[in-house]
Amino acid sequence: MRQVKMSATSKDFHKLGKDSAAKKYRGILAKVKAQNEDVEKNHQAELQKYSISDQMELLDVMEQKGVSNFNIKEEKERLKEDLHLAEEKWSAIEVLHVDWYKLGESWMAKP
């Protein structure tokens, strides 16, 4: 019986596995970073939208009470436009959803 000599050693297989794992986890890290960036953009846009909305509510209260140190109606119209733009910006942001269970990395899934 003739023995077949293998060209790859166990060190070669270990290196191959190590390189494969490193590549896989670099990919996971890239997905997490992209997801976190999208979540942060979404959060900032949502904060802006709610800030403008709160300012508009304050102007409504001021208008009802008759405070007139400046043109409230003009300011309110400007804020309505800003709110519309902020809502468009917020709705345009898509947060990447990574299905960690499908990727076999369920430990990465957030509760």
C-alpha atoms as a PDB file:
ATOM      1  CA  MET A   1       0.000   0.000   0.000  1.00  0.00           C
ATOM      2  CA  ARG A   2       1.424   3.286  -1.079  1.00  0.00           C
ATOM      3  CA  GLN A   3       1.180   6.235   1.260  1.00  0.00           C
ATOM      4  CA  VAL A   4       0.146   9.572  -0.262  1.00  0.00           C
ATOM      5  CA  LYS A   5       2.218  12.463   0.963  1.00  0.00           C
ATOM      6  CA  MET A   6       0.185  15.569   1.746  1.00  0.00           C
ATOM      7  CA  SER A   7       1.672  18.880   0.771  1.00  0.00           C
ATOM      8  CA  ALA A   8      -0.023  20.880   3.529  1.00  0.00           C
ATOM      9  CA  THR A   9       1.022  20.555   7.128  1.00  0.00           C
ATOM     10  CA  SER A  10      -1.163  20.996  10.168  1.00  0.00           C
ATOM     11  CA  LYS A  11       0.388  24.449  10.584  1.00  0.00           C
ATOM     12  CA  ASP A  12      -0.831  25.348   7.105  1.00  0.00           C
ATOM     13  CA  PHE A  13      -4.360  24.233   7.966  1.00  0.00           C
ATOM     14  CA  HIS A  14      -4.201  26.156  11.249  1.00  0.00           C
ATOM     15  CA  LYS A  15      -3.086  29.306   9.408  1.00  0.00           C
ATOM     16  CA  LEU A  16      -5.828  28.827   6.837  1.00  0.00           C
ATOM     17  CA  GLY A  17      -8.434  28.502   9.604  1.00  0.00           C
ATOM     18  CA  LYS A  18      -6.998  31.478  11.460  1.00  0.00           C
ATOM     19  CA  ASP A  19      -7.065  33.633   8.302  1.00  0.00           C
ATOM     20  CA  SER A  20     -10.628  32.533   7.562  1.00  0.00           C
ATOM     21  CA  ALA A  21     -11.756  33.371  11.100  1.00  0.00           C
ATOM     22  CA  ALA A  22     -10.022  36.750  10.958  1.00  0.00           C
ATOM     23  CA  LYS A  23     -11.747  37.526   7.650  1.00  0.00           C
ATOM     24  CA  LYS A  24     -15.121  36.457   9.046  1.00  0.00           C
ATOM     25  CA  TYR A  25     -14.804  38.600  12.160  1.00  0.00           C
ATOM     26  CA  ARG A  26     -13.527  41.588  10.168  1.00  0.00           C
ATOM     27  CA  GLY A  27     -16.752  41.271   8.173  1.00  0.00           C
ATOM     28  CA  ILE A  28     -18.803  41.097  11.361  1.00  0.00           C
ATOM     29  CA  LEU A  29     -17.020  44.161  12.732  1.00  0.00           C
ATOM     30  CA  ALA A  30     -17.702  46.069   9.509  1.00  0.00           C
ATOM     31  CA  LYS A  31     -21.412  45.189   9.732  1.00  0.00           C
ATOM     32  CA  VAL A  32     -21.586  46.271  13.364  1.00  0.00           C
ATOM     33  CA  LYS A  33     -19.856  49.561  12.575  1.00  0.00           C
ATOM     34  CA  ALA A  34     -22.213  50.237   9.650  1.00  0.00           C
ATOM     35  CA  GLN A  35     -25.229  49.376  11.792  1.00  0.00           C
ATOM     36  CA  ASN A  36     -24.035  51.642  14.618  1.00  0.00           C
ATOM     37  CA  GLU A  37     -23.419  54.516  12.193  1.00  0.00           C
ATOM     38  CA  ASP A  38     -26.927  54.125  10.765  1.00  0.00           C
ATOM     39  CA  VAL A  39     -28.443  53.991  14.244  1.00  0.00           C
ATOM     40  CA  GLU A  40     -26.547  57.162  15.226  1.00  0.00           C
ATOM     41  CA  LYS A  41     -27.691  59.001  12.060  1.00  0.00           C
ATOM     42  CA  ASN A  42     -31.256  57.899  12.745  1.00  0.00           C
ATOM     43  CA  HIS A  43     -31.005  59.028  16.363  1.00  0.00           C
ATOM     44  CA  GLN A  44     -29.641  62.477  15.423  1.00  0.00           C
ATOM     45  CA  ALA A  45     -32.348  62.996  12.799  1.00  0.00           C
ATOM     46  CA  GLU A  46     -35.025  61.923  15.267  1.00  0.00           C
ATOM     47  CA  LEU A  47     -33.669  64.328  17.914  1.00  0.00           C
ATOM     48  CA  GLN A  48     -33.747  67.177  15.414  1.00  0.00           C
ATOM     49  CA  LYS A  49     -37.311  66.341  14.417  1.00  0.00           C
ATOM     50  CA  TYR A  50     -38.525  66.254  18.030  1.00  0.00           C
ATOM     51  CA  SER A  51     -36.635  69.428  18.919  1.00  0.00           C
ATOM     52  CA  ILE A  52     -38.345  71.353  16.145  1.00  0.00           C
ATOM     53  CA  SER A  53     -41.700  69.851  17.081  1.00  0.00           C
ATOM     54  CA  ASP A  54     -41.213  70.963  20.706  1.00  0.00           C
ATOM     55  CA  GLN A  55     -40.302  74.475  19.567  1.00  0.00           C
ATOM     56  CA  MET A  56     -43.491  74.601  17.528  1.00  0.00           C
ATOM     57  CA  GLU A  57     -45.548  73.551  20.556  1.00  0.00           C
ATOM     58  CA  LEU A  58     -43.913  76.330  22.589  1.00  0.00           C
ATOM     59  CA  LEU A  59     -44.783  78.846  19.895  1.00  0.00           C
ATOM     60  CA  ASP A  60     -48.387  77.603  19.937  1.00  0.00           C
ATOM     61  CA  VAL A  61     -48.552  78.266  23.680  1.00  0.00           C
ATOM     62  CA  MET A  62     -46.944  81.698  23.240  1.00  0.00           C
ATOM     63  CA  GLU A  63     -49.364  82.522  20.441  1.00  0.00           C
ATOM     64  CA  GLN A  64     -52.357  81.527  22.593  1.00  0.00           C
ATOM     65  CA  LYS A  65     -51.123  83.673  25.476  1.00  0.00           C
ATOM     66  CA  GLY A  66     -50.526  86.659  23.194  1.00  0.00           C
ATOM     67  CA  VAL A  67     -46.752  87.022  23.595  1.00  0.00           C
ATOM     68  CA  SER A  68     -45.576  89.144  20.677  1.00  0.00           C
ATOM     69  CA  ASN A  69     -41.910  90.123  21.054  1.00  0.00           C
ATOM     70  CA  PHE A  70     -41.327  88.808  17.546  1.00  0.00           C
ATOM     71  CA  ASN A  71     -43.405  87.556  14.666  1.00  0.00           C
ATOM     72  CA  ILE A  72     -44.556  84.215  16.043  1.00  0.00           C
ATOM     73  CA  LYS A  73     -46.489  83.246  12.926  1.00  0.00           C
ATOM     74  CA  GLU A  74     -43.442  83.802  10.723  1.00  0.00           C
ATOM     75  CA  GLU A  75     -41.250  81.798  13.108  1.00  0.00           C
ATOM     76  CA  LYS A  76     -43.815  79.019  13.265  1.00  0.00           C
ATOM     77  CA  GLU A  77     -43.940  78.785   9.454  1.00  0.00           C
ATOM     78  CA  ARG A  78     -40.151  78.575   9.348  1.00  0.00           C
ATOM     79  CA  LEU A  79     -40.212  75.812  11.951  1.00  0.00           C
ATOM     80  CA  LYS A  80     -42.907  73.927  10.011  1.00  0.00           C
ATOM     81  CA  GLU A  81     -40.601  73.918   6.982  1.00  0.00           C
ATOM     82  CA  ASP A  82     -37.663  72.799   9.147  1.00  0.00           C
ATOM     83  CA  LEU A  83     -39.796  70.044  10.670  1.00  0.00           C
ATOM     84  CA  HIS A  84     -40.881  68.830   7.247  1.00  0.00           C
ATOM     85  CA  LEU A  85     -37.231  68.658   6.128  1.00  0.00           C
ATOM     86  CA  ALA A  86     -36.200  66.919   9.368  1.00  0.00           C
ATOM     87  CA  GLU A  87     -38.975  64.336   8.964  1.00  0.00           C
ATOM     88  CA  GLU A  88     -37.902  63.667   5.368  1.00  0.00           C
ATOM     89  CA  LYS A  89     -34.291  63.276   6.466  1.00  0.00           C
ATOM     90  CA  TRP A  90     -35.309  60.962   9.307  1.00  0.00           C
ATOM     91  CA  SER A  91     -37.517  58.776   7.115  1.00  0.00           C
ATOM     92  CA  ALA A  92     -34.784  58.502   4.446  1.00  0.00           C
ATOM     93  CA  ILE A  93     -32.316  56.906   6.856  1.00  0.00           C
ATOM     94  CA  GLU A  94     -32.410  53.145   6.722  1.00  0.00           C
ATOM     95  CA  VAL A  95     -30.814  51.236   9.562  1.00  0.00           C
ATOM     96  CA  LEU A  96     -29.089  48.078   8.415  1.00  0.00           C
ATOM     97  CA  HIS A  97     -30.599  45.007  10.000  1.00  0.00           C
ATOM     98  CA  VAL A  98     -28.110  42.228  10.528  1.00  0.00           C
ATOM     99  CA  ASP A  99     -29.639  38.835  11.223  1.00  0.00           C
ATOM    100  CA  TRP A 100     -26.977  37.458  13.558  1.00  0.00           C
ATOM    101  CA  TYR A 101     -28.883  34.204  13.946  1.00  0.00           C
ATOM    102  CA  LYS A 102     -28.642  33.485  10.203  1.00  0.00           C
ATOM    103  CA  LEU A 103     -24.948  34.310  10.297  1.00  0.00           C
ATOM    104  CA  GLY A 104     -24.450  31.842  13.135  1.00  0.00           C
ATOM    105  CA  GLU A 105     -23.442  34.570  15.557  1.00  0.00           C
ATOM    106  CA  SER A 106     -26.454  34.680  17.873  1.00  0.00           C
ATOM    107  CA  TRP A 107     -24.279  36.042  20.689  1.00  0.00           C
ATOM    108  CA  MET A 108     -24.084  39.330  18.724  1.00  0.00           C
ATOM    109  CA  ALA A 109     -27.887  39.798  18.725  1.00  0.00           C
ATOM    110  CA  LYS A 110     -29.074  42.597  20.946  1.00  0.00           C
ATOM    111  CA  PRO A 111     -31.835  41.721  23.417  1.00  0.00           C
END
